[in-house]
């Protein structure tokens, strides 16, 4: 039986945990690449109305992130227990890497 998911009162509390689960630089880079590719796919979806781009966005976004967790972080993605906060955390971490607040 798996452990119950910790309860976070808000996103700020969760984000501290989220960053601790992304300490490995290579894993963060893979997250960044996956998120970048997912955003490009979503842009294509908007431009073409072809929903196969949505599938690719999910494959790139989650594929790169999950590979990073299992291969480099050696932990389980937060997506499994906190999907919304995890998505928000990925967006914030992506932005903070983009502006140089978090090391790329």
N, C-alpha and C. Protein backbone atom coordinates (compact mmCIF):
# COMPACT_ATOMS: atom_id res chain seq x y z
N UNK A 1 0.85 -1.18 0.00
CA UNK A 1 0.00 0.00 0.00
C UNK A 1 0.89 1.24 0.00
N UNK A 2 0.55 2.23 -0.79
CA UNK A 2 1.37 3.42 -0.88
C UNK A 2 1.01 4.40 0.24
N UNK A 3 1.96 5.28 0.54
CA UNK A 3 1.74 6.29 1.56
C UNK A 3 0.72 7.30 1.07
N UNK A 4 -0.08 7.84 2.00
CA UNK A 4 -1.03 8.87 1.58
C UNK A 4 -0.28 10.13 1.15
N UNK A 5 -0.87 10.86 0.23
CA UNK A 5 -0.25 12.10 -0.26
C UNK A 5 -0.26 13.15 0.84
N UNK A 6 0.87 13.84 1.04
CA UNK A 6 0.87 14.94 2.02
C UNK A 6 -0.15 16.00 1.61
N UNK A 7 -0.70 16.65 2.58
CA UNK A 7 -1.68 17.69 2.32
C UNK A 7 -0.99 19.05 2.40
N UNK A 8 -1.14 19.84 1.36
CA UNK A 8 -0.57 21.18 1.32
C UNK A 8 -1.70 22.18 1.41
N UNK A 9 -1.54 23.19 2.25
CA UNK A 9 -2.59 24.19 2.43
C UNK A 9 -2.72 25.12 1.24
N UNK A 10 -1.62 25.27 0.48
CA UNK A 10 -1.66 26.17 -0.67
C UNK A 10 -0.52 25.83 -1.62
N UNK A 11 -0.51 26.49 -2.75
CA UNK A 11 0.52 26.22 -3.75
C UNK A 11 1.91 26.60 -3.25
N UNK A 12 2.02 27.67 -2.49
CA UNK A 12 3.33 28.10 -1.98
C UNK A 12 3.98 26.98 -1.15
N UNK A 13 3.21 26.33 -0.32
CA UNK A 13 3.73 25.20 0.46
C UNK A 13 4.16 24.07 -0.46
N UNK A 14 3.33 23.76 -1.43
CA UNK A 14 3.65 22.69 -2.36
C UNK A 14 4.91 23.00 -3.16
N UNK A 15 5.07 24.25 -3.57
CA UNK A 15 6.19 24.60 -4.45
C UNK A 15 7.53 24.37 -3.77
N UNK A 16 7.60 24.56 -2.47
CA UNK A 16 8.83 24.26 -1.74
C UNK A 16 9.17 22.77 -1.90
N UNK A 17 8.16 21.92 -1.72
CA UNK A 17 8.34 20.48 -1.93
C UNK A 17 8.71 20.19 -3.39
N UNK A 18 8.00 20.83 -4.32
CA UNK A 18 8.21 20.61 -5.75
C UNK A 18 9.67 20.89 -6.14
N UNK A 19 10.20 21.99 -5.66
CA UNK A 19 11.59 22.32 -5.98
C UNK A 19 12.55 21.29 -5.38
N UNK A 20 12.24 20.78 -4.21
CA UNK A 20 13.12 19.77 -3.59
C UNK A 20 13.13 18.49 -4.42
N UNK A 21 12.06 18.23 -5.15
CA UNK A 21 11.98 17.06 -6.01
C UNK A 21 12.62 17.28 -7.37
N UNK A 22 13.16 18.48 -7.59
CA UNK A 22 13.81 18.84 -8.86
C UNK A 22 15.20 19.41 -8.62
N UNK A 23 15.93 18.76 -7.75
CA UNK A 23 17.27 19.24 -7.39
C UNK A 23 18.31 18.93 -8.46
N UNK A 24 18.09 17.87 -9.21
CA UNK A 24 19.05 17.46 -10.23
C UNK A 24 18.96 18.37 -11.45
N UNK A 25 20.09 18.93 -11.82
CA UNK A 25 20.13 19.90 -12.93
C UNK A 25 19.71 19.29 -14.27
N UNK A 26 20.14 18.08 -14.53
CA UNK A 26 19.75 17.41 -15.78
C UNK A 26 18.25 17.18 -15.82
N UNK A 27 17.68 16.81 -14.69
CA UNK A 27 16.23 16.60 -14.64
C UNK A 27 15.49 17.91 -14.89
N UNK A 28 15.98 19.00 -14.31
CA UNK A 28 15.35 20.31 -14.55
C UNK A 28 15.45 20.68 -16.03
N UNK A 29 16.58 20.41 -16.63
CA UNK A 29 16.76 20.72 -18.06
C UNK A 29 15.79 19.90 -18.91
N UNK A 30 15.61 18.64 -18.57
CA UNK A 30 14.66 17.81 -19.32
C UNK A 30 13.23 18.32 -19.14
N UNK A 31 12.89 18.76 -17.94
CA UNK A 31 11.59 19.38 -17.72
C UNK A 31 11.43 20.61 -18.63
N UNK A 32 12.46 21.42 -18.67
CA UNK A 32 12.41 22.65 -19.48
C UNK A 32 12.20 22.33 -20.95
N UNK A 33 12.95 21.35 -21.46
CA UNK A 33 12.81 20.95 -22.86
C UNK A 33 11.41 20.40 -23.12
N UNK A 34 10.94 19.52 -22.25
CA UNK A 34 9.61 18.95 -22.43
C UNK A 34 8.51 20.00 -22.40
N UNK A 35 8.63 20.94 -21.47
CA UNK A 35 7.64 22.01 -21.39
C UNK A 35 7.70 22.91 -22.62
N UNK A 36 8.90 23.20 -23.09
CA UNK A 36 9.06 24.02 -24.30
C UNK A 36 8.40 23.35 -25.51
N UNK A 37 8.66 22.07 -25.67
CA UNK A 37 8.07 21.33 -26.79
C UNK A 37 6.54 21.25 -26.65
N UNK A 38 6.08 21.06 -25.42
CA UNK A 38 4.63 21.00 -25.19
C UNK A 38 3.98 22.34 -25.55
N UNK A 39 4.61 23.44 -25.17
CA UNK A 39 4.06 24.76 -25.49
C UNK A 39 4.04 25.00 -27.00
N UNK A 40 5.08 24.56 -27.69
CA UNK A 40 5.09 24.68 -29.16
C UNK A 40 3.97 23.86 -29.78
N UNK A 41 3.74 22.67 -29.23
CA UNK A 41 2.64 21.84 -29.74
C UNK A 41 1.29 22.51 -29.50
N UNK A 42 1.12 23.12 -28.33
CA UNK A 42 -0.14 23.81 -28.05
C UNK A 42 -0.33 25.00 -28.98
N UNK A 43 0.75 25.68 -29.31
CA UNK A 43 0.68 26.77 -30.27
C UNK A 43 0.23 26.24 -31.63
N UNK A 44 0.79 25.13 -32.05
CA UNK A 44 0.38 24.50 -33.31
C UNK A 44 -1.09 24.09 -33.27
N UNK A 45 -1.54 23.58 -32.13
CA UNK A 45 -2.94 23.23 -31.97
C UNK A 45 -3.84 24.44 -32.21
N UNK A 46 -3.48 25.56 -31.62
CA UNK A 46 -4.27 26.78 -31.79
C UNK A 46 -4.24 27.24 -33.25
N UNK A 47 -3.08 27.14 -33.88
CA UNK A 47 -2.94 27.63 -35.25
C UNK A 47 -3.62 26.72 -36.28
N UNK A 48 -3.65 25.41 -36.01
CA UNK A 48 -4.15 24.47 -37.03
C UNK A 48 -5.48 23.81 -36.67
N UNK A 49 -5.89 23.89 -35.41
CA UNK A 49 -7.08 23.19 -34.91
C UNK A 49 -6.97 21.67 -35.10
N UNK A 50 -5.76 21.18 -35.21
CA UNK A 50 -5.52 19.75 -35.34
C UNK A 50 -5.20 19.20 -33.94
N UNK A 51 -6.13 18.42 -33.39
CA UNK A 51 -6.00 17.98 -32.00
C UNK A 51 -4.93 16.92 -31.78
N UNK A 52 -4.31 16.45 -32.84
CA UNK A 52 -3.17 15.54 -32.64
C UNK A 52 -2.02 16.28 -31.96
N UNK A 53 -1.99 17.60 -32.11
CA UNK A 53 -0.95 18.39 -31.41
C UNK A 53 -1.14 18.34 -29.90
N UNK A 54 -2.36 18.19 -29.44
CA UNK A 54 -2.62 18.06 -28.01
C UNK A 54 -2.00 16.77 -27.47
N UNK A 55 -2.16 15.70 -28.22
CA UNK A 55 -1.56 14.42 -27.83
C UNK A 55 -0.04 14.57 -27.74
N UNK A 56 0.55 15.19 -28.75
CA UNK A 56 2.00 15.39 -28.74
C UNK A 56 2.43 16.29 -27.58
N UNK A 57 1.65 17.30 -27.27
CA UNK A 57 1.98 18.18 -26.13
C UNK A 57 2.04 17.37 -24.85
N UNK A 58 1.08 16.49 -24.65
CA UNK A 58 1.08 15.65 -23.45
C UNK A 58 2.25 14.67 -23.44
N UNK A 59 2.52 14.08 -24.58
CA UNK A 59 3.65 13.13 -24.68
C UNK A 59 4.97 13.84 -24.36
N UNK A 60 5.20 14.99 -24.97
CA UNK A 60 6.44 15.72 -24.71
C UNK A 60 6.50 16.23 -23.27
N UNK A 61 5.45 16.88 -22.83
CA UNK A 61 5.45 17.46 -21.49
C UNK A 61 5.65 16.43 -20.40
N UNK A 62 4.83 15.38 -20.42
CA UNK A 62 4.96 14.36 -19.38
C UNK A 62 6.11 13.40 -19.65
N UNK A 63 6.34 13.07 -20.90
CA UNK A 63 7.41 12.11 -21.23
C UNK A 63 8.78 12.56 -20.74
N UNK A 64 9.16 13.77 -21.08
CA UNK A 64 10.46 14.28 -20.66
C UNK A 64 10.54 14.38 -19.14
N UNK A 65 9.46 14.87 -18.52
CA UNK A 65 9.46 15.05 -17.06
C UNK A 65 9.54 13.70 -16.35
N UNK A 66 8.72 12.75 -16.74
CA UNK A 66 8.72 11.47 -16.06
C UNK A 66 10.03 10.72 -16.27
N UNK A 67 10.58 10.80 -17.47
CA UNK A 67 11.89 10.19 -17.70
C UNK A 67 12.92 10.82 -16.77
N UNK A 68 12.88 12.13 -16.62
CA UNK A 68 13.83 12.83 -15.74
C UNK A 68 13.69 12.36 -14.30
N UNK A 69 12.47 12.19 -13.84
CA UNK A 69 12.26 11.74 -12.46
C UNK A 69 12.78 10.34 -12.24
N UNK A 70 12.43 9.42 -13.12
CA UNK A 70 12.82 8.04 -12.92
C UNK A 70 14.31 7.81 -13.17
N UNK A 71 14.89 8.51 -14.13
CA UNK A 71 16.28 8.30 -14.49
C UNK A 71 17.27 9.10 -13.65
N UNK A 72 16.94 10.35 -13.33
CA UNK A 72 17.91 11.23 -12.68
C UNK A 72 17.55 11.59 -11.24
N UNK A 73 16.31 11.90 -10.98
CA UNK A 73 15.91 12.27 -9.62
C UNK A 73 15.71 11.04 -8.74
N UNK A 74 15.37 9.93 -9.37
CA UNK A 74 15.09 8.68 -8.65
C UNK A 74 13.92 8.87 -7.67
N UNK A 75 12.92 9.60 -8.12
CA UNK A 75 11.73 9.77 -7.30
C UNK A 75 10.49 9.66 -8.19
N UNK A 76 9.36 9.71 -7.57
CA UNK A 76 8.10 9.57 -8.29
C UNK A 76 7.54 10.95 -8.60
N UNK A 77 7.14 11.21 -9.83
CA UNK A 77 6.61 12.53 -10.17
C UNK A 77 5.43 12.93 -9.28
N UNK A 78 5.42 14.20 -8.89
CA UNK A 78 4.34 14.72 -8.06
C UNK A 78 3.01 14.70 -8.79
N UNK A 79 3.04 14.58 -10.10
CA UNK A 79 1.83 14.53 -10.91
C UNK A 79 0.89 13.43 -10.45
N UNK A 80 1.44 12.34 -9.96
CA UNK A 80 0.62 11.20 -9.58
C UNK A 80 -0.28 11.47 -8.38
N UNK A 81 0.17 12.35 -7.48
CA UNK A 81 -0.62 12.62 -6.28
C UNK A 81 -1.16 14.05 -6.23
N UNK A 82 -0.54 14.96 -6.95
CA UNK A 82 -0.95 16.37 -6.95
C UNK A 82 -0.91 16.92 -8.37
N UNK A 83 -1.81 16.46 -9.24
CA UNK A 83 -1.71 16.82 -10.66
C UNK A 83 -1.81 18.33 -10.94
N UNK A 84 -2.75 19.02 -10.32
CA UNK A 84 -2.89 20.45 -10.61
C UNK A 84 -1.72 21.26 -10.07
N UNK A 85 -1.36 21.03 -8.82
CA UNK A 85 -0.21 21.74 -8.24
C UNK A 85 1.08 21.41 -9.01
N UNK A 86 1.19 20.18 -9.46
CA UNK A 86 2.37 19.78 -10.22
C UNK A 86 2.47 20.54 -11.54
N UNK A 87 1.34 20.66 -12.23
CA UNK A 87 1.32 21.43 -13.47
C UNK A 87 1.67 22.89 -13.21
N UNK A 88 1.10 23.44 -12.15
CA UNK A 88 1.42 24.83 -11.78
C UNK A 88 2.91 24.96 -11.42
N UNK A 89 3.44 23.98 -10.70
CA UNK A 89 4.85 24.01 -10.33
C UNK A 89 5.76 23.95 -11.54
N UNK A 90 5.38 23.12 -12.51
CA UNK A 90 6.18 23.02 -13.72
C UNK A 90 6.19 24.35 -14.47
N UNK A 91 5.04 24.99 -14.54
CA UNK A 91 4.97 26.30 -15.20
C UNK A 91 5.81 27.34 -14.50
N UNK A 92 5.72 27.36 -13.18
CA UNK A 92 6.51 28.34 -12.43
C UNK A 92 8.00 28.05 -12.53
N UNK A 93 8.38 26.77 -12.41
CA UNK A 93 9.79 26.42 -12.52
C UNK A 93 10.31 26.76 -13.92
N UNK A 94 9.51 26.49 -14.95
CA UNK A 94 9.88 26.82 -16.32
C UNK A 94 10.16 28.33 -16.42
N UNK A 95 9.23 29.14 -15.91
CA UNK A 95 9.40 30.59 -15.96
C UNK A 95 10.64 31.03 -15.19
N UNK A 96 10.85 30.48 -14.00
CA UNK A 96 11.99 30.87 -13.19
C UNK A 96 13.31 30.44 -13.83
N UNK A 97 13.31 29.34 -14.56
CA UNK A 97 14.51 28.97 -15.31
C UNK A 97 14.71 29.91 -16.49
N UNK A 98 13.62 30.28 -17.14
CA UNK A 98 13.69 31.19 -18.29
C UNK A 98 14.27 32.55 -17.91
N UNK A 99 13.89 33.07 -16.73
CA UNK A 99 14.38 34.38 -16.32
C UNK A 99 15.67 34.32 -15.49
N UNK A 100 16.18 33.11 -15.27
CA UNK A 100 17.45 32.95 -14.58
C UNK A 100 17.37 32.88 -13.06
N UNK A 101 16.18 32.78 -12.51
CA UNK A 101 16.03 32.67 -11.05
C UNK A 101 16.46 31.28 -10.56
N UNK A 102 16.22 30.28 -11.40
CA UNK A 102 16.65 28.90 -11.10
C UNK A 102 17.68 28.53 -12.15
N UNK A 103 18.77 27.92 -11.71
CA UNK A 103 19.86 27.55 -12.63
C UNK A 103 19.37 26.58 -13.69
N UNK A 104 19.74 26.89 -14.93
CA UNK A 104 19.43 26.00 -16.05
C UNK A 104 20.58 25.04 -16.13
